[in-house]
Protein backbone atom coordinates (compact mmCIF):
# COMPACT_ATOMS: atom_id res chain seq x y z
CA MET A 1 67.15 -8.38 41.90
CA VAL A 2 64.18 -7.23 39.87
CA THR A 3 61.49 -5.19 41.70
CA SER A 4 58.07 -5.19 40.35
CA GLN A 5 56.14 -1.99 40.46
CA VAL A 6 52.31 -1.63 40.90
CA PRO A 7 51.03 0.56 37.95
CA ASN A 8 49.72 3.88 38.98
CA PRO A 9 45.97 3.92 38.27
CA LYS A 10 45.80 7.69 37.55
CA ALA A 11 48.81 7.32 35.12
CA GLN A 12 47.04 4.47 33.34
CA GLU A 13 43.97 6.53 33.04
CA PHE A 14 45.99 9.50 31.66
CA VAL A 15 47.52 7.33 29.01
CA VAL A 16 44.23 5.84 27.91
CA ARG A 17 42.57 9.20 27.64
CA THR A 18 45.54 10.59 25.60
CA LEU A 19 45.39 7.75 23.17
CA ALA A 20 41.73 8.07 22.89
CA VAL A 21 41.97 11.74 22.03
CA ARG A 22 44.76 11.05 19.52
CA TRP A 23 42.66 8.34 17.68
CA LEU A 24 39.69 10.64 17.67
CA GLY A 25 41.81 13.33 16.16
CA ILE A 26 42.97 10.90 13.41
CA TRP A 27 39.35 9.79 12.80
CA VAL A 28 38.04 13.34 12.40
CA LEU A 29 41.08 14.18 10.21
CA GLY A 30 40.20 11.20 7.95
CA CYS A 31 36.63 12.42 7.79
CA GLY A 32 37.41 15.96 7.07
CA ILE A 33 40.67 15.95 4.99
CA PHE A 34 41.34 12.50 3.63
CA ALA A 35 37.66 11.74 2.57
CA ALA A 36 37.31 10.96 -1.14
CA SER A 37 33.78 12.18 -1.18
CA ALA A 38 31.05 14.02 0.77
CA ALA A 39 29.67 10.70 1.77
CA ALA A 40 32.43 10.06 4.12
CA CYS A 41 31.30 9.79 7.74
CA ALA A 42 27.73 10.72 6.71
CA ALA A 43 24.92 9.38 8.95
CA ARG A 44 22.97 6.73 6.89
CA HIS A 45 19.36 5.95 7.38
CA PRO A 46 17.43 3.10 5.63
CA ALA A 47 13.96 4.20 4.64
CA ARG A 48 10.85 3.11 2.57
CA GLY A 49 8.13 5.10 0.97
CA LEU A 50 5.68 5.79 -1.89
CA VAL A 51 6.88 8.10 -4.80
CA LEU A 52 4.76 11.23 -5.31
CA LYS A 53 6.82 13.06 -7.79
CA VAL A 54 10.07 12.53 -9.83
CA ASP A 55 12.09 15.47 -11.25
CA ARG A 56 14.76 14.12 -13.44
CA ASP A 57 16.13 17.52 -14.40
CA SER A 58 16.98 18.37 -10.80
CA SER A 59 17.52 14.59 -9.87
CA THR A 60 15.05 14.72 -6.97
CA VAL A 61 12.27 12.50 -5.93
CA THR A 62 9.38 13.42 -3.53
CA VAL A 63 8.45 10.64 -1.30
CA SER A 64 5.74 9.94 1.25
CA HIS A 65 7.99 7.94 3.62
CA GLU A 66 7.52 5.90 6.66
CA ASP A 67 9.14 6.79 10.01
CA ILE A 68 12.88 6.87 9.76
CA PRO A 69 13.86 5.62 13.27
CA GLY A 70 15.99 7.94 15.20
CA TYR A 71 15.81 10.70 12.64
CA MET A 72 12.45 11.71 11.04
CA ASP A 73 8.78 11.10 11.48
CA ALA A 74 6.74 9.90 8.55
CA MET A 75 6.13 12.79 6.19
CA VAL A 76 6.41 13.94 2.60
CA MET A 77 9.86 15.12 1.56
CA PRO A 78 11.81 15.86 -1.63
CA PHE A 79 15.23 14.06 -1.62
CA ALA A 80 18.19 14.58 -3.85
CA VAL A 81 19.45 11.50 -5.74
CA ARG A 82 23.23 11.61 -6.40
CA ASP A 83 23.02 9.11 -9.26
CA ARG A 84 20.26 10.32 -11.44
CA SER A 85 20.35 7.12 -13.46
CA GLN A 86 18.59 5.37 -10.51
CA LEU A 87 15.56 7.46 -11.34
CA ALA A 88 15.29 6.28 -14.93
CA GLU A 89 12.48 3.76 -14.23
CA VAL A 90 10.90 5.39 -11.11
CA ARG A 91 7.39 6.69 -11.51
CA PRO A 92 4.73 8.32 -9.21
CA GLY A 93 2.94 5.53 -7.31
CA ASP A 94 6.07 3.27 -7.08
CA ARG A 95 7.01 1.96 -3.68
CA ILE A 96 10.81 2.18 -2.99
CA ALA A 97 13.35 1.48 -0.37
CA PHE A 98 16.33 3.90 -0.18
CA ARG A 99 19.20 4.94 1.83
CA LEU A 100 19.31 8.48 3.08
CA ASN A 101 22.68 10.10 3.78
CA VAL A 102 22.98 13.15 6.10
CA LYS A 103 26.29 15.12 6.62
CA ASP A 104 26.58 18.62 7.81
CA GLU A 105 24.03 20.77 5.84
CA GLN A 106 23.62 18.17 2.98
CA SER A 107 21.38 15.12 2.54
CA TRP A 108 21.04 12.76 -0.42
CA ILE A 109 19.96 9.34 -1.57
CA ASP A 110 22.79 7.05 -2.67
CA LYS A 111 20.91 3.89 -2.95
CA LEU A 112 17.41 3.26 -4.35
CA GLN A 113 15.60 -0.08 -4.82
CA MET A 114 12.13 -0.70 -6.43
CA LEU A 115 9.70 -2.47 -4.26
CA SER A 116 6.77 -2.46 -6.59
CA ALA A 117 6.39 -5.37 -8.94
CA ALA A 118 7.41 -4.90 -12.48
CA PRO A 119 4.91 -3.06 -14.58
CA VAL A 120 2.25 -5.30 -16.05
CA ASP A 121 2.63 -5.03 -19.73
CA VAL A 122 3.48 -8.33 -21.20
CA GLY A 123 0.16 -9.66 -22.58
CA LEU A 124 -1.47 -6.29 -22.33
CA THR A 125 0.78 -4.35 -24.66
CA GLN A 126 1.65 -7.29 -26.90
CA THR A 127 -1.72 -9.14 -27.13
CA PRO A 128 -4.13 -8.27 -28.58
CA ALA A 129 -2.32 -6.51 -31.44
CA VAL A 130 -3.69 -3.13 -30.22
CA SER A 131 -2.41 -2.26 -26.83
CA THR A 132 -4.87 -1.70 -23.98
CA LEU A 133 -2.50 -0.69 -21.11
CA VAL A 134 -2.35 3.05 -20.65
CA PRO A 135 1.20 4.28 -19.79
CA PRO A 136 1.65 6.96 -17.08
CA GLY A 137 1.16 10.39 -18.50
CA SER A 138 -1.20 9.41 -21.29
CA GLU A 139 -4.86 10.11 -21.53
CA VAL A 140 -7.15 7.24 -20.49
CA PRO A 141 -9.54 6.28 -23.27
CA ASP A 142 -13.10 7.02 -22.38
CA PHE A 143 -15.23 4.14 -21.01
CA THR A 144 -18.71 3.80 -19.60
CA LEU A 145 -19.83 1.56 -16.78
CA THR A 146 -22.83 1.31 -14.55
CA ASN A 147 -22.77 2.58 -10.85
CA GLN A 148 -24.53 1.32 -7.78
CA ASP A 149 -27.61 3.36 -8.52
CA GLY A 150 -28.00 1.85 -12.11
CA GLN A 151 -26.80 5.12 -13.71
CA PRO A 152 -24.20 5.07 -16.56
CA VAL A 153 -20.96 6.75 -15.54
CA SER A 154 -18.37 7.58 -18.15
CA LEU A 155 -14.81 8.69 -17.43
CA SER A 156 -15.34 11.74 -19.56
CA SER A 157 -18.32 12.62 -17.25
CA LEU A 158 -15.68 12.95 -14.46
CA ARG A 159 -13.43 15.51 -16.32
CA GLY A 160 -12.57 18.38 -13.94
CA LYS A 161 -12.11 15.95 -11.13
CA VAL A 162 -9.06 13.95 -9.90
CA VAL A 163 -10.27 10.27 -9.96
CA ALA A 164 -8.90 7.74 -7.59
CA VAL A 165 -9.92 4.33 -9.00
CA THR A 166 -9.33 0.76 -7.69
CA PHE A 167 -10.45 -2.76 -8.58
CA ILE A 168 -12.24 -5.27 -6.37
CA TYR A 169 -14.73 -7.99 -6.24
CA THR A 170 -17.30 -8.18 -3.41
CA ARG A 171 -16.77 -11.90 -2.60
CA CYS A 172 -13.12 -11.39 -1.83
CA PRO A 173 -12.51 -13.28 1.49
CA LEU A 174 -9.34 -11.63 2.50
CA PRO A 175 -9.56 -8.31 4.62
CA ASP A 176 -6.26 -7.14 3.54
CA TYR A 177 -7.02 -7.37 -0.30
CA CYS A 178 -10.23 -5.94 -1.68
CA PRO A 179 -11.67 -4.45 1.44
CA ARG A 180 -8.38 -2.76 2.05
CA MET A 181 -8.61 -1.04 -1.22
CA ILE A 182 -12.05 0.48 -0.15
CA THR A 183 -10.62 1.59 3.23
CA ASN A 184 -7.73 3.25 1.41
CA LEU A 185 -10.30 5.34 -0.67
CA GLN A 186 -12.09 6.10 2.59
CA ALA A 187 -8.88 7.53 4.00
CA ILE A 188 -8.81 9.87 0.95
CA GLU A 189 -12.34 10.91 1.71
CA ARG A 190 -11.39 11.70 5.29
CA ARG A 191 -8.50 13.70 4.18
CA PHE A 192 -10.54 15.79 1.75
CA PRO A 193 -14.17 15.59 2.92
CA GLU A 194 -15.09 19.00 1.29
CA ARG A 195 -13.60 18.08 -2.07
CA VAL A 196 -15.16 14.56 -2.62
CA GLY A 197 -17.95 14.99 -5.28
CA LYS A 198 -16.59 18.43 -6.24
CA ASP A 199 -13.18 18.08 -7.82
CA LEU A 200 -12.31 14.62 -6.41
CA ALA A 201 -14.04 11.35 -7.30
CA LEU A 202 -13.58 7.79 -5.72
CA ALA A 203 -14.29 4.70 -7.76
CA ALA A 204 -14.20 0.96 -7.28
CA VAL A 205 -14.54 -1.24 -10.37
CA THR A 206 -15.54 -4.87 -9.92
CA PHE A 207 -13.84 -7.54 -12.14
CA ASP A 208 -16.47 -10.05 -11.18
CA PRO A 209 -19.51 -8.47 -12.94
CA GLN A 210 -21.43 -11.81 -13.41
CA TYR A 211 -21.84 -11.89 -9.56
CA ASP A 212 -21.34 -8.18 -8.79
CA THR A 213 -24.65 -6.72 -10.25
CA VAL A 214 -25.94 -3.27 -9.61
CA THR A 215 -27.79 -4.54 -6.65
CA ARG A 216 -24.84 -6.23 -5.19
CA MET A 217 -22.63 -3.14 -5.73
CA LYS A 218 -25.23 -1.01 -3.87
CA GLU A 219 -25.15 -3.47 -0.93
CA TYR A 220 -21.29 -3.37 -0.95
CA ALA A 221 -21.15 0.40 -1.01
CA GLN A 222 -23.79 0.62 1.98
CA PHE A 223 -21.76 -2.00 3.98
CA PHE A 224 -18.77 0.53 3.81
CA LYS A 225 -20.88 3.45 4.34
CA ALA A 226 -19.73 4.79 0.96
CA ASP A 227 -23.07 5.01 -0.95
CA LYS A 228 -22.89 8.70 -1.20
CA SER A 229 -22.04 11.56 -3.50
CA GLY A 230 -18.52 11.43 -4.95
CA TRP A 231 -18.41 7.54 -4.85
CA GLN A 232 -18.97 5.25 -7.83
CA PHE A 233 -19.06 1.50 -7.45
CA LEU A 234 -18.87 0.25 -11.04
CA THR A 235 -20.00 -2.72 -12.91
CA GLY A 236 -20.77 -3.65 -16.47
CA SER A 237 -20.42 -6.38 -19.09
CA VAL A 238 -17.60 -8.93 -18.94
CA ASP A 239 -16.09 -7.24 -22.02
CA ASP A 240 -16.28 -3.77 -20.83
CA VAL A 241 -14.92 -4.53 -17.32
CA SER A 242 -12.08 -6.49 -18.83
CA ARG A 243 -11.25 -3.57 -21.15
CA VAL A 244 -11.12 -1.15 -18.27
CA ALA A 245 -9.06 -3.53 -16.02
CA GLY A 246 -6.63 -3.95 -18.99
CA MET A 247 -6.17 -0.23 -19.25
CA PHE A 248 -4.94 -0.04 -15.70
CA GLY A 249 -2.80 -3.17 -15.78
CA VAL A 250 -5.02 -5.27 -13.56
CA GLU A 251 -4.93 -9.09 -14.15
CA PHE A 252 -7.45 -11.50 -12.86
CA TRP A 253 -8.58 -15.16 -13.45
CA PRO A 254 -10.95 -17.62 -11.94
CA GLU A 255 -9.43 -20.21 -9.57
CA GLU A 256 -11.30 -22.76 -7.45
CA GLY A 257 -14.52 -20.79 -7.27
CA LEU A 258 -12.80 -17.49 -6.31
CA ILE A 259 -10.79 -15.00 -8.37
CA THR A 260 -7.01 -14.71 -8.23
CA HIS A 261 -6.06 -11.04 -9.02
CA THR A 262 -3.43 -8.30 -8.88
CA LEU A 263 -4.03 -5.14 -6.90
CA GLN A 264 -3.85 -1.82 -8.51
CA THR A 265 -5.02 1.74 -7.59
CA ALA A 266 -4.67 4.45 -10.09
CA VAL A 267 -4.92 8.25 -9.99
CA VAL A 268 -6.37 10.08 -13.07
CA ASP A 269 -5.85 13.94 -13.15
CA LYS A 270 -8.52 16.47 -14.06
CA GLU A 271 -7.56 16.34 -17.67
CA GLY A 272 -8.19 12.61 -17.84
CA LYS A 273 -4.46 11.59 -17.87
CA LEU A 274 -2.98 8.64 -15.85
CA VAL A 275 -0.63 10.32 -13.40
CA ALA A 276 0.14 7.32 -11.11
CA SER A 277 -0.67 3.68 -10.58
CA VAL A 278 0.09 2.10 -7.18
CA GLU A 279 0.66 -1.67 -7.21
CA GLY A 280 -0.05 -4.06 -4.42
CA LYS A 281 -1.07 -3.24 -0.88
CA ASP A 282 2.15 -2.59 1.04
CA TYR A 283 1.77 1.04 1.54
CA SER A 284 -0.27 3.24 4.07
CA PRO A 285 -3.63 4.93 3.39
CA LYS A 286 -1.83 8.12 4.43
CA GLN A 287 0.71 7.69 1.56
CA LEU A 288 -2.03 7.15 -0.95
CA ALA A 289 -3.78 10.39 0.24
CA ASP A 290 -0.36 12.16 0.05
CA LEU A 291 -0.30 11.04 -3.58
CA VAL A 292 -3.71 12.23 -4.36
CA GLU A 293 -3.02 15.55 -2.73
CA SER A 294 0.17 16.07 -4.83
CA ILE A 295 -2.16 15.75 -7.87
CA LEU A 296 -5.24 17.43 -6.56
CA GLY A 297 -3.41 20.61 -5.61
CA PRO A 298 -4.77 23.40 -3.42
């Protein structure tokens, strides 16, 4: 006769715990000994941010990144990039998504994806025959436009200052387009209130000069409480404005009574060289201010 036995709960618990400890030991052994690379068992964190600096020699990228949930608050950090070929086309001002790996005392990026749109060069570098688009690192050709006070302002007159320049038109009906470009510049002013007008200039260029006269630009500046020293709201002839927009890769065209356009904010250094160009609007004012700080210096 077969007699059934009731399992001993404590014995079962002992067996389960023993197996769990053994499996844990095997897992740790796999991470520590059998791992093919340092990436084995590293904690991985998806992240996004705005590129401030690229050092290809050391294969590092400095990023003003958004919050990394469960790991790090939004801040500026340099990150090592294991595969330096991923940095080949990355420039200051680019928006990127990346995966951060953290293991023991090491951290590195193993995946990097560009979020910014492709550089605007077709049609600007190929037509007309002489290119108008200024590549990063090159000196921006001088130009002269007229500010909200009716005074001529040339880029060369701003030498010795870092210049943050964006492009707008005052009739823009969407609050997250042209008005946001101005509020982004205001964030820079709040970050560096003592430097605006000294070694930092903020400029907004209209690409609708037929409507955006000097008077209209003055009204627009006053509406944003930006009609003050260090700010330039610039207009000019259609040809002059088109030339300046082309230098910075801005495209625009009339459509159903309004203007369809790309968004671009550029930063020019104290020597008049284009350091960075930020495409679009999917970045924070803080990130733009971080970019300016990296160029402005102490």
